[in-house]
Amino acid sequence: MSVYHVEKTELPVVVFQADGSVMKGVVFLSASTYSHMGQQTLLDLMKEPGDFFPFRSEAGDFCVANKQTITHIRFDPPAAASTHASLGEREEADIKFVGGEQLSGTVTIEMPEGRNRLFDFLNAMKGFFLLHNHEAFYLVNIKQVRDVSPRP
């Protein structure tokens, strides 16, 4: 074992790319992060500086994947992470990506009073944001979104 080895937790994910390709495998999360107490989340990993992150495919092949080419990532959060409830407003939305793919679900808008509309949230967003529906949780890359429609 190397002195540079850092223990990581593997999180199974499905990565959807802007070119229509899909990558199934795992990402590696640290035991801690600088932004909050507890284990690093997938959102923390995607918001880290740098355009690439390590990924291992289901076949066992390693690569570094480009964050900017991802439209969205499907994942199941660790059980401990799902116990933390967000206090923001929930908004049902339909998202269309640049390549034509669509995704529907609930976005939690955590913005100051008076700036808590879906429009305000999307304009303030940088990188990835969380969306969930009855199937799974997703991280959505704001730079790959073509348009968003609120659902009544």
N, C-alpha and C. Protein backbone atom coordinates (compact mmCIF):
# COMPACT_ATOMS: atom_id res chain seq x y z
N MET A 1 0.82 -1.17 0.00
CA MET A 1 0.00 0.00 0.00
C MET A 1 0.88 1.25 0.00
N SER A 2 0.53 2.23 -0.80
CA SER A 2 1.30 3.45 -0.93
C SER A 2 0.95 4.42 0.20
N VAL A 3 1.90 5.26 0.58
CA VAL A 3 1.63 6.30 1.58
C VAL A 3 0.69 7.35 1.00
N TYR A 4 0.53 7.36 -0.33
CA TYR A 4 -0.35 8.32 -0.99
C TYR A 4 -1.76 7.77 -1.20
N HIS A 5 -1.99 6.54 -0.79
CA HIS A 5 -3.30 5.91 -0.96
C HIS A 5 -4.32 6.54 -0.02
N VAL A 6 -5.47 6.92 -0.55
CA VAL A 6 -6.56 7.49 0.24
C VAL A 6 -7.77 6.59 0.05
N GLU A 7 -8.37 6.17 1.16
CA GLU A 7 -9.56 5.31 1.09
C GLU A 7 -10.71 6.09 0.44
N LYS A 8 -11.38 5.45 -0.50
CA LYS A 8 -12.52 6.04 -1.19
C LYS A 8 -13.68 5.06 -1.16
N THR A 9 -14.88 5.60 -1.22
CA THR A 9 -16.09 4.81 -1.33
C THR A 9 -16.53 4.81 -2.78
N GLU A 10 -16.90 3.67 -3.30
CA GLU A 10 -17.38 3.58 -4.68
C GLU A 10 -18.88 3.81 -4.71
N LEU A 11 -19.32 4.69 -5.62
CA LEU A 11 -20.74 4.96 -5.80
C LEU A 11 -21.12 4.56 -7.23
N PRO A 12 -22.03 3.58 -7.39
CA PRO A 12 -22.49 3.21 -8.73
C PRO A 12 -23.26 4.36 -9.38
N VAL A 13 -22.96 4.64 -10.65
CA VAL A 13 -23.61 5.72 -11.38
C VAL A 13 -23.85 5.29 -12.82
N VAL A 14 -24.76 6.02 -13.47
CA VAL A 14 -24.94 5.93 -14.91
C VAL A 14 -24.75 7.34 -15.43
N VAL A 15 -23.75 7.52 -16.30
CA VAL A 15 -23.39 8.84 -16.82
C VAL A 15 -23.93 8.96 -18.25
N PHE A 16 -24.76 9.98 -18.47
CA PHE A 16 -25.35 10.24 -19.78
C PHE A 16 -24.57 11.38 -20.43
N GLN A 17 -24.05 11.13 -21.63
CA GLN A 17 -23.21 12.11 -22.32
C GLN A 17 -24.02 12.88 -23.37
N ALA A 18 -23.53 14.07 -23.70
CA ALA A 18 -24.21 14.92 -24.69
C ALA A 18 -24.27 14.28 -26.07
N ASP A 19 -23.33 13.38 -26.39
CA ASP A 19 -23.34 12.71 -27.70
C ASP A 19 -24.29 11.51 -27.75
N GLY A 20 -25.00 11.27 -26.64
CA GLY A 20 -25.96 10.16 -26.58
C GLY A 20 -25.39 8.89 -25.99
N SER A 21 -24.10 8.84 -25.75
CA SER A 21 -23.51 7.64 -25.15
C SER A 21 -23.81 7.58 -23.66
N VAL A 22 -23.76 6.36 -23.13
CA VAL A 22 -24.05 6.13 -21.71
C VAL A 22 -22.91 5.30 -21.13
N MET A 23 -22.42 5.74 -19.96
CA MET A 23 -21.34 5.03 -19.27
C MET A 23 -21.86 4.54 -17.93
N LYS A 24 -21.79 3.22 -17.70
CA LYS A 24 -22.18 2.65 -16.41
C LYS A 24 -20.92 2.24 -15.67
N GLY A 25 -20.89 2.57 -14.37
CA GLY A 25 -19.72 2.21 -13.58
C GLY A 25 -19.78 2.83 -12.21
N VAL A 26 -18.61 3.22 -11.68
CA VAL A 26 -18.53 3.81 -10.36
C VAL A 26 -17.65 5.04 -10.37
N VAL A 27 -17.96 5.96 -9.44
CA VAL A 27 -17.09 7.10 -9.14
C VAL A 27 -16.58 6.88 -7.73
N PHE A 28 -15.58 7.64 -7.35
CA PHE A 28 -14.91 7.43 -6.07
C PHE A 28 -15.08 8.65 -5.19
N LEU A 29 -15.68 8.45 -4.00
CA LEU A 29 -15.96 9.55 -3.08
C LEU A 29 -15.05 9.46 -1.86
N SER A 30 -14.55 10.61 -1.43
CA SER A 30 -13.67 10.68 -0.26
C SER A 30 -14.47 10.56 1.03
N ALA A 31 -13.78 10.22 2.10
CA ALA A 31 -14.41 10.09 3.42
C ALA A 31 -14.80 11.44 3.99
N SER A 32 -14.21 12.52 3.48
CA SER A 32 -14.53 13.86 3.98
C SER A 32 -14.40 14.87 2.86
N THR A 33 -14.89 16.07 3.13
CA THR A 33 -14.82 17.16 2.16
C THR A 33 -14.63 18.47 2.90
N TYR A 34 -14.17 19.47 2.20
CA TYR A 34 -13.94 20.78 2.82
C TYR A 34 -15.22 21.58 2.98
N SER A 35 -16.26 21.29 2.21
CA SER A 35 -17.45 22.15 2.17
C SER A 35 -18.48 21.85 3.26
N HIS A 36 -18.42 20.67 3.90
CA HIS A 36 -19.38 20.33 4.95
C HIS A 36 -18.87 19.15 5.75
N MET A 37 -19.54 18.87 6.85
CA MET A 37 -19.19 17.69 7.67
C MET A 37 -19.67 16.44 6.94
N GLY A 38 -18.96 15.35 7.13
CA GLY A 38 -19.39 14.08 6.57
C GLY A 38 -18.69 13.74 5.27
N GLN A 39 -19.15 12.65 4.68
CA GLN A 39 -18.55 12.11 3.47
C GLN A 39 -18.83 13.00 2.26
N GLN A 40 -17.92 12.98 1.33
CA GLN A 40 -18.09 13.68 0.07
C GLN A 40 -19.30 13.10 -0.66
N THR A 41 -20.09 13.96 -1.29
CA THR A 41 -21.22 13.52 -2.09
C THR A 41 -20.84 13.58 -3.57
N LEU A 42 -21.68 13.01 -4.40
CA LEU A 42 -21.46 13.10 -5.84
C LEU A 42 -21.51 14.56 -6.29
N LEU A 43 -22.41 15.34 -5.73
CA LEU A 43 -22.48 16.77 -6.07
C LEU A 43 -21.18 17.47 -5.69
N ASP A 44 -20.62 17.16 -4.52
CA ASP A 44 -19.33 17.72 -4.12
C ASP A 44 -18.26 17.39 -5.17
N LEU A 45 -18.22 16.13 -5.60
CA LEU A 45 -17.24 15.70 -6.58
C LEU A 45 -17.38 16.48 -7.89
N MET A 46 -18.60 16.66 -8.35
CA MET A 46 -18.83 17.35 -9.62
C MET A 46 -18.54 18.85 -9.52
N LYS A 47 -18.62 19.41 -8.31
CA LYS A 47 -18.36 20.84 -8.14
C LYS A 47 -16.91 21.15 -7.79
N GLU A 48 -16.08 20.10 -7.62
CA GLU A 48 -14.65 20.32 -7.36
C GLU A 48 -14.01 21.02 -8.56
N PRO A 49 -12.96 21.81 -8.32
CA PRO A 49 -12.25 22.43 -9.45
C PRO A 49 -11.70 21.36 -10.39
N GLY A 50 -11.62 21.70 -11.63
CA GLY A 50 -11.10 20.78 -12.65
C GLY A 50 -12.23 20.21 -13.48
N ASP A 51 -11.91 19.89 -14.71
CA ASP A 51 -12.91 19.40 -15.66
C ASP A 51 -13.05 17.88 -15.70
N PHE A 52 -12.14 17.14 -15.03
CA PHE A 52 -12.15 15.68 -15.12
C PHE A 52 -12.26 15.03 -13.75
N PHE A 53 -12.81 13.82 -13.73
CA PHE A 53 -12.92 13.03 -12.50
C PHE A 53 -12.68 11.56 -12.84
N PRO A 54 -12.17 10.77 -11.88
CA PRO A 54 -11.91 9.36 -12.14
C PRO A 54 -13.20 8.54 -12.20
N PHE A 55 -13.21 7.58 -13.11
CA PHE A 55 -14.39 6.74 -13.35
C PHE A 55 -13.90 5.34 -13.70
N ARG A 56 -14.59 4.32 -13.18
CA ARG A 56 -14.31 2.93 -13.55
C ARG A 56 -15.58 2.33 -14.14
N SER A 57 -15.48 1.78 -15.33
CA SER A 57 -16.64 1.20 -16.00
C SER A 57 -17.02 -0.14 -15.37
N GLU A 58 -18.20 -0.62 -15.71
CA GLU A 58 -18.65 -1.94 -15.24
C GLU A 58 -17.68 -3.04 -15.65
N ALA A 59 -17.00 -2.86 -16.78
CA ALA A 59 -16.04 -3.85 -17.28
C ALA A 59 -14.71 -3.77 -16.54
N GLY A 60 -14.55 -2.75 -15.67
CA GLY A 60 -13.32 -2.62 -14.90
C GLY A 60 -12.29 -1.68 -15.50
N ASP A 61 -12.63 -1.02 -16.61
CA ASP A 61 -11.70 -0.09 -17.26
C ASP A 61 -11.74 1.26 -16.56
N PHE A 62 -10.56 1.83 -16.30
CA PHE A 62 -10.45 3.14 -15.68
C PHE A 62 -10.29 4.21 -16.75
N CYS A 63 -10.85 5.39 -16.47
CA CYS A 63 -10.64 6.55 -17.32
C CYS A 63 -10.85 7.80 -16.47
N VAL A 64 -10.54 8.93 -17.03
CA VAL A 64 -10.93 10.19 -16.41
C VAL A 64 -11.96 10.79 -17.35
N ALA A 65 -13.13 11.10 -16.81
CA ALA A 65 -14.26 11.57 -17.61
C ALA A 65 -14.37 13.09 -17.54
N ASN A 66 -14.79 13.68 -18.64
CA ASN A 66 -14.94 15.13 -18.74
C ASN A 66 -16.31 15.55 -18.22
N LYS A 67 -16.35 16.38 -17.19
CA LYS A 67 -17.61 16.84 -16.60
C LYS A 67 -18.45 17.64 -17.60
N GLN A 68 -17.78 18.40 -18.47
CA GLN A 68 -18.49 19.31 -19.37
C GLN A 68 -19.31 18.58 -20.43
N THR A 69 -18.97 17.33 -20.74
CA THR A 69 -19.70 16.59 -21.78
C THR A 69 -20.88 15.80 -21.23
N ILE A 70 -21.08 15.85 -19.94
CA ILE A 70 -22.15 15.11 -19.28
C ILE A 70 -23.44 15.93 -19.30
N THR A 71 -24.56 15.29 -19.67
CA THR A 71 -25.85 15.96 -19.53
C THR A 71 -26.40 15.73 -18.13
N HIS A 72 -26.38 14.46 -17.69
CA HIS A 72 -26.86 14.15 -16.35
C HIS A 72 -26.29 12.81 -15.88
N ILE A 73 -26.34 12.62 -14.57
CA ILE A 73 -25.83 11.40 -13.94
C ILE A 73 -26.92 10.83 -13.05
N ARG A 74 -27.25 9.55 -13.24
CA ARG A 74 -28.24 8.88 -12.38
C ARG A 74 -27.50 8.12 -11.28
N PHE A 75 -28.03 8.21 -10.05
CA PHE A 75 -27.40 7.53 -8.92
C PHE A 75 -28.41 7.32 -7.81
N ASP A 76 -28.08 6.43 -6.90
CA ASP A 76 -28.84 6.25 -5.67
C ASP A 76 -27.95 6.78 -4.56
N PRO A 77 -28.42 7.76 -3.80
CA PRO A 77 -27.57 8.32 -2.74
C PRO A 77 -27.35 7.30 -1.63
N PRO A 78 -26.21 7.39 -0.94
CA PRO A 78 -26.01 6.53 0.23
C PRO A 78 -27.13 6.75 1.24
N ALA A 79 -27.48 5.75 2.00
CA ALA A 79 -28.60 5.83 2.95
C ALA A 79 -28.46 7.00 3.91
N ALA A 80 -27.26 7.28 4.40
CA ALA A 80 -27.05 8.37 5.35
C ALA A 80 -27.35 9.72 4.71
N ALA A 81 -27.06 9.87 3.41
CA ALA A 81 -27.29 11.15 2.73
C ALA A 81 -28.77 11.43 2.54
N SER A 82 -29.59 10.39 2.38
CA SER A 82 -31.01 10.60 2.11
C SER A 82 -31.78 11.02 3.36
N THR A 83 -31.16 10.98 4.53
CA THR A 83 -31.86 11.40 5.74
C THR A 83 -31.83 12.90 5.94
N HIS A 84 -30.99 13.62 5.20
CA HIS A 84 -30.90 15.08 5.32
C HIS A 84 -31.92 15.71 4.38
N ALA A 85 -32.95 16.33 4.96
CA ALA A 85 -33.98 16.95 4.15
C ALA A 85 -33.60 18.39 3.83
N SER A 86 -33.88 18.81 2.61
CA SER A 86 -33.62 20.18 2.20
C SER A 86 -34.80 21.05 2.59
N LEU A 87 -34.53 22.30 2.91
CA LEU A 87 -35.58 23.21 3.35
C LEU A 87 -36.10 24.10 2.22
N GLY A 88 -35.62 23.93 1.01
CA GLY A 88 -36.02 24.79 -0.10
C GLY A 88 -37.40 24.45 -0.65
N GLU A 89 -37.84 25.31 -1.57
CA GLU A 89 -39.12 25.11 -2.27
C GLU A 89 -38.93 24.02 -3.33
N ARG A 90 -39.91 23.16 -3.47
CA ARG A 90 -39.83 22.10 -4.47
C ARG A 90 -40.64 22.51 -5.70
N GLU A 91 -40.04 22.26 -6.86
CA GLU A 91 -40.66 22.64 -8.13
C GLU A 91 -40.57 21.46 -9.08
N GLU A 92 -41.71 21.02 -9.61
CA GLU A 92 -41.74 19.97 -10.62
C GLU A 92 -41.36 20.60 -11.96
N ALA A 93 -40.47 19.93 -12.70
CA ALA A 93 -39.99 20.51 -13.95
C ALA A 93 -39.69 19.44 -14.98
N ASP A 94 -39.80 19.83 -16.25
CA ASP A 94 -39.39 19.02 -17.38
C ASP A 94 -38.15 19.68 -17.97
N ILE A 95 -37.08 18.91 -18.12
CA ILE A 95 -35.82 19.43 -18.62
C ILE A 95 -35.54 18.81 -19.98
N LYS A 96 -35.17 19.66 -20.95
CA LYS A 96 -34.75 19.19 -22.27
C LYS A 96 -33.28 19.57 -22.44
N PHE A 97 -32.49 18.58 -22.86
CA PHE A 97 -31.07 18.80 -23.05
C PHE A 97 -30.76 19.19 -24.49
N VAL A 98 -29.57 19.72 -24.70
CA VAL A 98 -29.14 20.17 -26.02
C VAL A 98 -29.29 19.07 -27.06
N GLY A 99 -29.00 17.83 -26.73
CA GLY A 99 -29.10 16.71 -27.67
C GLY A 99 -30.50 16.19 -27.89
N GLY A 100 -31.50 16.74 -27.17
CA GLY A 100 -32.88 16.33 -27.35
C GLY A 100 -33.43 15.42 -26.27
N GLU A 101 -32.57 14.85 -25.44
CA GLU A 101 -33.04 13.98 -24.36
C GLU A 101 -33.84 14.80 -23.35
N GLN A 102 -34.79 14.12 -22.68
CA GLN A 102 -35.64 14.80 -21.70
C GLN A 102 -35.58 14.08 -20.36
N LEU A 103 -35.80 14.85 -19.31
CA LEU A 103 -35.80 14.33 -17.95
C LEU A 103 -36.82 15.12 -17.15
N SER A 104 -37.63 14.45 -16.35
CA SER A 104 -38.63 15.12 -15.51
C SER A 104 -38.40 14.76 -14.06
N GLY A 105 -38.71 15.69 -13.18
CA GLY A 105 -38.56 15.42 -11.77
C GLY A 105 -38.74 16.66 -10.92
N THR A 106 -38.28 16.56 -9.68
CA THR A 106 -38.43 17.64 -8.71
C THR A 106 -37.08 18.29 -8.44
N VAL A 107 -37.07 19.61 -8.54
CA VAL A 107 -35.90 20.41 -8.22
C VAL A 107 -36.19 21.11 -6.89
N THR A 108 -35.22 21.12 -5.98
CA THR A 108 -35.38 21.84 -4.73
C THR A 108 -34.65 23.17 -4.86
N ILE A 109 -35.40 24.26 -4.76
CA ILE A 109 -34.86 25.60 -4.96
C ILE A 109 -34.49 26.18 -3.61
N GLU A 110 -33.21 26.28 -3.36
CA GLU A 110 -32.70 26.85 -2.11
C GLU A 110 -32.12 28.22 -2.43
N MET A 111 -33.00 29.21 -2.47
CA MET A 111 -32.61 30.58 -2.81
C MET A 111 -33.24 31.52 -1.79
N PRO A 112 -32.69 32.74 -1.65
CA PRO A 112 -33.26 33.72 -0.71
C PRO A 112 -34.70 34.10 -1.08
N GLU A 113 -35.45 34.46 -0.08
CA GLU A 113 -36.84 34.92 -0.28
C GLU A 113 -36.85 36.03 -1.32
N GLY A 114 -37.80 35.96 -2.24
CA GLY A 114 -37.90 36.94 -3.32
C GLY A 114 -37.09 36.55 -4.55
N ARG A 115 -36.20 35.57 -4.41
CA ARG A 115 -35.40 35.09 -5.54
C ARG A 115 -35.49 33.56 -5.61
N ASN A 116 -36.66 33.04 -5.22
CA ASN A 116 -36.81 31.59 -5.14
C ASN A 116 -37.70 31.01 -6.24
N ARG A 117 -37.69 31.69 -7.39
CA ARG A 117 -38.39 31.14 -8.56
C ARG A 117 -37.46 30.19 -9.30
N LEU A 118 -38.03 29.30 -10.09
CA LEU A 118 -37.24 28.40 -10.91
C LEU A 118 -36.30 29.18 -11.82
N PHE A 119 -36.76 30.26 -12.38
CA PHE A 119 -35.96 31.13 -13.24
C PHE A 119 -34.73 31.65 -12.50
N ASP A 120 -34.91 32.13 -11.28
CA ASP A 120 -33.80 32.64 -10.47
C ASP A 120 -32.80 31.53 -10.15
N PHE A 121 -33.32 30.37 -9.79
CA PHE A 121 -32.48 29.22 -9.45
C PHE A 121 -31.60 28.82 -10.62
N LEU A 122 -32.18 28.68 -11.80
CA LEU A 122 -31.43 28.25 -12.97
C LEU A 122 -30.37 29.27 -13.36
N ASN A 123 -30.69 30.55 -13.26
CA ASN A 123 -29.72 31.59 -13.61
C ASN A 123 -28.58 31.68 -12.60
N ALA A 124 -28.82 31.29 -11.36
CA ALA A 124 -27.78 31.34 -10.33
C ALA A 124 -26.91 30.08 -10.31
N MET A 125 -27.40 29.02 -10.94
CA MET A 125 -26.74 27.72 -10.87
C MET A 125 -25.45 27.70 -11.68
N LYS A 126 -24.45 27.05 -11.12
CA LYS A 126 -23.17 26.81 -11.80
C LYS A 126 -22.87 25.32 -11.66
N GLY A 127 -22.45 24.70 -12.73
CA GLY A 127 -22.11 23.28 -12.66
C GLY A 127 -23.34 22.39 -12.67
N PHE A 128 -23.49 21.61 -11.62
CA PHE A 128 -24.55 20.61 -11.54
C PHE A 128 -25.55 20.94 -10.44
N PHE A 129 -26.80 20.51 -10.63
CA PHE A 129 -27.82 20.62 -9.58
C PHE A 129 -28.57 19.30 -9.48
N LEU A 130 -29.21 19.11 -8.32
CA LEU A 130 -29.89 17.86 -8.01
C LEU A 130 -31.35 17.89 -8.48
N LEU A 131 -31.78 16.78 -9.06
CA LEU A 131 -33.17 16.56 -9.46
C LEU A 131 -33.51 15.14 -9.07
N HIS A 132 -34.72 14.90 -8.60
CA HIS A 132 -35.11 13.52 -8.32
C HIS A 132 -36.53 13.27 -8.80
N ASN A 133 -36.79 12.01 -9.10
CA ASN A 133 -38.13 11.58 -9.47
C ASN A 133 -38.36 10.21 -8.84
N HIS A 134 -39.45 9.56 -9.19
CA HIS A 134 -39.77 8.27 -8.57
C HIS A 134 -38.77 7.17 -8.93
N GLU A 135 -37.96 7.36 -9.97
CA GLU A 135 -37.00 6.34 -10.40
C GLU A 135 -35.66 6.44 -9.68
N ALA A 136 -35.12 7.65 -9.55
CA ALA A 136 -33.76 7.81 -9.02
C ALA A 136 -33.46 9.27 -8.74
N PHE A 137 -32.22 9.51 -8.33
CA PHE A 137 -31.70 10.86 -8.18
C PHE A 137 -30.80 11.14 -9.38
N TYR A 138 -30.75 12.41 -9.78
CA TYR A 138 -29.93 12.81 -10.91
C TYR A 138 -29.16 14.08 -10.56
N LEU A 139 -27.95 14.19 -11.11
CA LEU A 139 -27.25 15.45 -11.14
C LEU A 139 -27.35 15.94 -12.58
N VAL A 140 -27.80 17.16 -12.75
CA VAL A 140 -28.02 17.75 -14.07
C VAL A 140 -26.96 18.82 -14.32
N ASN A 141 -26.31 18.75 -15.47
CA ASN A 141 -25.31 19.74 -15.86
C ASN A 141 -26.02 20.94 -16.49
N ILE A 142 -25.99 22.07 -15.80
CA ILE A 142 -26.70 23.27 -16.26
C ILE A 142 -26.23 23.70 -17.65
N LYS A 143 -24.98 23.44 -17.99
CA LYS A 143 -24.44 23.87 -19.28
C LYS A 143 -24.96 23.05 -20.45
N GLN A 144 -25.57 21.90 -20.19
CA GLN A 144 -26.11 21.05 -21.24
C GLN A 144 -27.64 21.14 -21.35
N VAL A 145 -28.25 22.02 -20.55
CA VAL A 145 -29.71 22.17 -20.54
C VAL A 145 -30.12 23.13 -21.67
N ARG A 146 -31.06 22.68 -22.51
CA ARG A 146 -31.60 23.56 -23.56
C ARG A 146 -32.73 24.41 -23.02
N ASP A 147 -33.70 23.78 -22.32
CA ASP A 147 -34.79 24.55 -21.72
C ASP A 147 -35.43 23.75 -20.59
N VAL A 148 -36.11 24.49 -19.71
CA VAL A 148 -36.78 23.89 -18.55
C VAL A 148 -38.20 24.44 -18.51
N SER A 149 -39.16 23.54 -18.32
CA SER A 149 -40.57 23.94 -18.22
C SER A 149 -41.11 23.51 -16.87
N PRO A 150 -41.65 24.46 -16.08
CA PRO A 150 -42.29 24.04 -14.82
C PRO A 150 -43.55 23.26 -15.14
N ARG A 151 -43.86 22.26 -14.30
CA ARG A 151 -45.10 21.49 -14.45
C ARG A 151 -46.10 21.98 -13.43
N PRO A 152 -47.35 22.08 -13.85
CA PRO A 152 -48.39 22.52 -12.90
C PRO A 152 -48.65 21.52 -11.80
